[in-house]
């Protein structure tokens, strides 16, 4: 396997991706390249915003993976969007491993988007569980960003309990002061995590990622507003 191909559709110049379950599970290996990668989720209302080439629209356009979060948007993209294929090269180091992973999961979900019947739409929690399971298999690490101090502590505790092979290399609640941001960036750089998991509240929301990605040398940036509260059991 020299590359992984992800079906995509461009709807009013907004690209939507439709990776299979096996492809999503392979991302922590595929993106093990000392570069930053961003996964975004968009709903129909966010797609309307993404058509504008403002800061938000530019972030969506440059994201490595853009996943539809509701069925109506997925159906519209599949029916009316310009179909294409989004390809990613597979690092030689991981080619044999990903061949085996891809073949074992391909029988489970084929080449279609996963988890829902009909055109694929993606629940952030389910995508994240696939990523965390893969990161655990490769003894990877996570940095947690966002939530209240109490929520952050509970989320970290539950992640450790569920994914014992993952190391949490750092965390920062989303209510940090502006003067603490330099230390936060340095902590992410030092930790070099496989995944930066971000949720509300953080300054500027999801746009925090696009504003700070260039200052770090990390792996996958994953943002979903309620995700830390979900992990904290709230």
Protein backbone atom coordinates (compact mmCIF):
# COMPACT_ATOMS: atom_id res chain seq x y z
CA UNK A 1 0.00 0.00 0.00
CA UNK A 2 1.64 3.23 -1.16
CA UNK A 3 -1.33 5.54 -0.62
CA UNK A 4 -4.79 5.66 0.89
CA UNK A 5 -7.60 7.07 -1.19
CA UNK A 6 -10.46 8.93 0.49
CA UNK A 7 -13.63 9.67 -1.53
CA UNK A 8 -14.64 13.30 -1.39
CA UNK A 9 -17.22 15.66 -2.86
CA UNK A 10 -16.96 19.38 -3.44
CA UNK A 11 -20.22 21.19 -2.76
CA UNK A 12 -20.15 24.89 -3.65
CA UNK A 13 -16.35 24.73 -3.40
CA UNK A 14 -16.42 23.21 0.09
CA UNK A 15 -14.74 19.79 0.14
CA UNK A 16 -16.33 17.03 2.21
CA UNK A 17 -14.50 13.76 2.84
CA UNK A 18 -15.99 10.29 3.25
CA UNK A 19 -13.31 8.01 4.73
CA UNK A 20 -14.11 4.46 5.73
CA UNK A 21 -13.71 3.12 9.24
CA UNK A 22 -10.43 1.46 8.30
CA UNK A 23 -9.01 4.67 6.86
CA UNK A 24 -9.91 6.61 10.01
CA UNK A 25 -8.19 3.98 12.13
CA UNK A 26 -5.08 4.32 9.99
CA UNK A 27 -4.71 8.10 10.37
CA UNK A 28 -2.42 8.03 13.44
CA UNK A 29 -0.03 5.92 11.34
CA UNK A 30 -0.62 7.70 8.05
CA UNK A 31 0.04 11.09 9.63
CA UNK A 32 3.12 9.98 11.58
CA UNK A 33 5.19 12.46 9.59
CA UNK A 34 6.16 15.20 12.08
CA UNK A 35 3.60 17.54 10.55
CA UNK A 36 0.36 19.04 11.80
CA UNK A 37 -2.98 17.71 10.56
CA UNK A 38 -6.48 18.98 11.30
CA UNK A 39 -9.79 17.14 11.31
CA UNK A 40 -12.91 19.32 11.07
CA UNK A 41 -16.59 18.45 11.42
CA UNK A 42 -19.24 20.59 9.76
CA UNK A 43 -23.01 20.65 9.88
CA UNK A 44 -25.30 22.18 7.27
CA UNK A 45 -25.19 25.57 8.98
CA UNK A 46 -21.41 25.44 9.23
CA UNK A 47 -21.20 24.51 5.55
CA UNK A 48 -23.05 27.74 4.78
CA UNK A 49 -20.39 29.60 6.76
CA UNK A 50 -17.56 27.66 5.13
CA UNK A 51 -18.56 28.91 1.68
CA UNK A 52 -17.28 32.32 2.72
CA UNK A 53 -13.55 32.80 2.39
CA UNK A 54 -13.17 34.40 5.79
CA UNK A 55 -11.06 32.97 8.59
CA UNK A 56 -13.45 30.09 9.22
CA UNK A 57 -13.87 29.25 5.54
CA UNK A 58 -10.11 29.33 5.00
CA UNK A 59 -9.63 26.96 7.92
CA UNK A 60 -12.11 24.46 6.49
CA UNK A 61 -10.53 24.74 3.03
CA UNK A 62 -7.08 23.95 4.41
CA UNK A 63 -8.11 21.17 6.81
CA UNK A 64 -6.74 17.71 6.07
CA UNK A 65 -10.11 16.05 6.63
CA UNK A 66 -13.57 17.65 6.57
CA UNK A 67 -16.34 15.35 7.78
CA UNK A 68 -20.10 16.01 7.41
CA UNK A 69 -21.82 15.86 10.77
CA UNK A 70 -25.42 15.52 9.60
CA UNK A 71 -27.17 13.31 7.09
CA UNK A 72 -28.75 16.07 5.01
CA UNK A 73 -25.37 17.61 4.22
CA UNK A 74 -23.85 14.22 3.39
CA UNK A 75 -26.76 13.36 1.10
CA UNK A 76 -26.59 16.70 -0.68
CA UNK A 77 -22.83 16.40 -1.23
CA UNK A 78 -23.14 12.85 -2.57
CA UNK A 79 -26.03 13.76 -4.87
CA UNK A 80 -24.90 17.15 -6.15
CA UNK A 81 -21.22 17.61 -5.31
CA UNK A 82 -18.29 17.17 -7.66
CA UNK A 83 -16.87 13.74 -6.86
CA UNK A 84 -13.14 13.34 -6.38
CA UNK A 85 -10.56 11.30 -4.50
CA UNK A 86 -8.35 12.69 -1.76
CA UNK A 87 -5.09 10.69 -1.62
CA UNK A 88 -2.53 10.42 1.15
CA UNK A 89 0.88 8.73 0.80
CA UNK A 90 1.61 5.99 3.31
CA UNK A 91 4.99 6.25 5.09
CA UNK A 92 7.16 3.27 4.17
CA UNK A 93 7.63 2.51 7.88
CA UNK A 94 3.92 1.72 8.25
CA UNK A 95 3.02 0.19 4.89
CA UNK A 96 2.97 -3.46 5.98
CA UNK A 97 1.11 -2.69 9.20
CA UNK A 98 -1.52 -0.62 7.40
CA UNK A 99 -1.94 -3.26 4.71
CA UNK A 100 -2.91 -5.75 7.41
CA UNK A 101 -5.15 -3.25 9.24
CA UNK A 102 -6.88 -2.15 6.08
CA UNK A 103 -7.57 -5.69 4.89
CA UNK A 104 -8.91 -6.81 8.27
CA UNK A 105 -11.33 -3.88 8.54
CA UNK A 106 -12.25 -3.65 4.87
CA UNK A 107 -14.45 -6.72 5.17
CA UNK A 108 -16.27 -4.98 7.99
CA UNK A 109 -17.14 -1.73 6.25
CA UNK A 110 -16.03 -1.99 2.61
CA UNK A 111 -15.24 1.28 0.88
CA UNK A 112 -18.16 3.25 2.27
CA UNK A 113 -18.34 5.83 5.01
CA UNK A 114 -19.08 4.24 8.33
CA UNK A 115 -21.47 3.96 11.24
CA UNK A 116 -24.69 5.17 9.65
CA UNK A 117 -26.94 3.83 6.92
CA UNK A 118 -27.09 5.75 3.68
CA UNK A 119 -24.57 8.46 2.72
CA UNK A 120 -21.99 8.61 5.47
CA UNK A 121 -22.10 11.22 8.16
CA UNK A 122 -19.77 11.21 11.10
CA UNK A 123 -20.32 11.45 14.82
CA UNK A 124 -17.27 13.09 16.41
CA UNK A 125 -17.35 10.81 19.45
CA UNK A 126 -17.23 7.68 17.31
CA UNK A 127 -14.48 9.03 15.08
CA UNK A 128 -12.48 9.92 18.17
CA UNK A 129 -12.82 6.45 19.67
CA UNK A 130 -11.31 4.99 16.49
CA UNK A 131 -8.42 7.44 16.62
CA UNK A 132 -7.75 6.85 20.31
CA UNK A 133 -7.82 3.07 19.85
CA UNK A 134 -5.24 3.36 17.07
CA UNK A 135 -3.11 5.76 19.11
CA UNK A 136 -3.21 3.31 22.02
CA UNK A 137 -1.99 0.50 19.75
CA UNK A 138 1.06 2.55 18.82
CA UNK A 139 1.64 3.71 22.41
CA UNK A 140 0.97 7.30 21.41
CA UNK A 141 0.11 10.36 23.42
CA UNK A 142 -2.57 13.04 23.84
CA UNK A 143 -2.64 16.66 24.96
CA UNK A 144 -5.97 17.90 26.36
CA UNK A 145 -7.10 21.49 25.82
CA UNK A 146 -10.34 23.08 26.97
CA UNK A 147 -13.14 22.55 29.45
CA UNK A 148 -13.33 23.85 32.97
CA UNK A 149 -10.60 22.74 35.41
CA UNK A 150 -12.95 20.15 36.95
CA UNK A 151 -14.12 18.85 33.57
CA UNK A 152 -10.53 18.57 32.36
CA UNK A 153 -9.47 16.50 35.38
CA UNK A 154 -12.43 14.13 35.00
CA UNK A 155 -11.92 13.77 31.24
CA UNK A 156 -8.24 12.96 31.72
CA UNK A 157 -9.03 10.37 34.38
CA UNK A 158 -11.59 8.63 32.15
CA UNK A 159 -9.30 8.64 29.12
CA UNK A 160 -6.53 7.01 31.17
CA UNK A 161 -8.96 4.40 32.48
CA UNK A 162 -10.31 3.57 29.01
CA UNK A 163 -7.08 3.79 27.01
CA UNK A 164 -4.36 2.65 29.40
CA UNK A 165 -1.75 2.54 26.61
CA UNK A 166 -2.08 6.26 25.90
CA UNK A 167 0.06 8.82 27.70
CA UNK A 168 -1.46 12.22 28.48
CA UNK A 169 1.57 14.48 28.04
CA UNK A 170 -0.12 17.67 29.20
CA UNK A 171 -3.35 19.57 29.60
CA UNK A 172 -4.71 23.09 29.91
CA UNK A 173 -8.24 24.14 30.77
CA UNK A 174 -9.95 26.49 28.35
CA UNK A 175 -10.28 29.34 30.83
CA UNK A 176 -6.57 30.14 30.84
CA UNK A 177 -5.36 33.74 30.90
CA UNK A 178 -3.80 35.39 27.81
CA UNK A 179 -0.41 35.58 29.52
CA UNK A 180 -0.47 31.79 29.96
CA UNK A 181 -0.69 31.08 26.24
CA UNK A 182 3.07 31.10 25.61
CA UNK A 183 3.56 28.43 28.27
CA UNK A 184 0.71 26.41 26.75
CA UNK A 185 2.32 26.41 23.31
CA UNK A 186 5.67 25.45 24.82
CA UNK A 187 4.01 22.57 26.69
CA UNK A 188 2.49 21.24 23.46
CA UNK A 189 5.82 21.57 21.66
CA UNK A 190 7.66 19.76 24.45
CA UNK A 191 5.06 17.01 24.75
CA UNK A 192 4.96 16.39 20.98
CA UNK A 193 1.61 14.57 21.30
CA UNK A 194 0.08 12.28 18.69
CA UNK A 195 -3.25 14.08 19.19
CA UNK A 196 -4.30 17.48 20.51
CA UNK A 197 -7.87 17.03 21.72
CA UNK A 198 -9.65 20.37 22.11
CA UNK A 199 -13.12 21.32 23.28
CA UNK A 200 -15.05 24.28 24.61
CA UNK A 201 -14.35 26.65 26.09
CA UNK A 202 -11.13 27.78 24.42
CA UNK A 203 -10.39 31.27 23.12
CA UNK A 204 -11.83 31.73 19.60
CA UNK A 205 -13.19 28.17 19.56
CA UNK A 206 -12.09 25.94 16.71
CA UNK A 207 -10.19 28.80 15.12
CA UNK A 208 -7.67 28.48 17.96
CA UNK A 209 -6.27 25.53 16.04
CA UNK A 210 -5.72 27.30 12.74
CA UNK A 211 -4.17 30.24 14.59
CA UNK A 212 -1.66 28.06 16.47
CA UNK A 213 -0.93 25.01 14.32
CA UNK A 214 2.13 26.60 12.75
CA UNK A 215 3.75 27.11 16.16
CA UNK A 216 3.79 23.41 17.04
CA UNK A 217 5.26 20.23 15.63
CA UNK A 218 2.52 17.84 16.57
CA UNK A 219 0.21 15.28 15.04
CA UNK A 220 -3.56 15.44 14.76
CA UNK A 221 -5.61 18.43 15.91
CA UNK A 222 -9.16 17.36 16.77
CA UNK A 223 -11.80 19.85 17.93
CA UNK A 224 -15.39 19.26 18.92
CA UNK A 225 -17.04 21.64 21.38
CA UNK A 226 -18.65 19.15 23.85
CA UNK A 227 -15.96 16.45 23.60
CA UNK A 228 -14.27 17.00 26.96
CA UNK A 229 -17.62 17.23 28.74
CA UNK A 230 -18.56 13.96 27.04
CA UNK A 231 -15.39 12.29 28.29
CA UNK A 232 -16.01 13.72 31.74
CA UNK A 233 -19.39 11.98 31.77
CA UNK A 234 -21.52 15.12 31.66
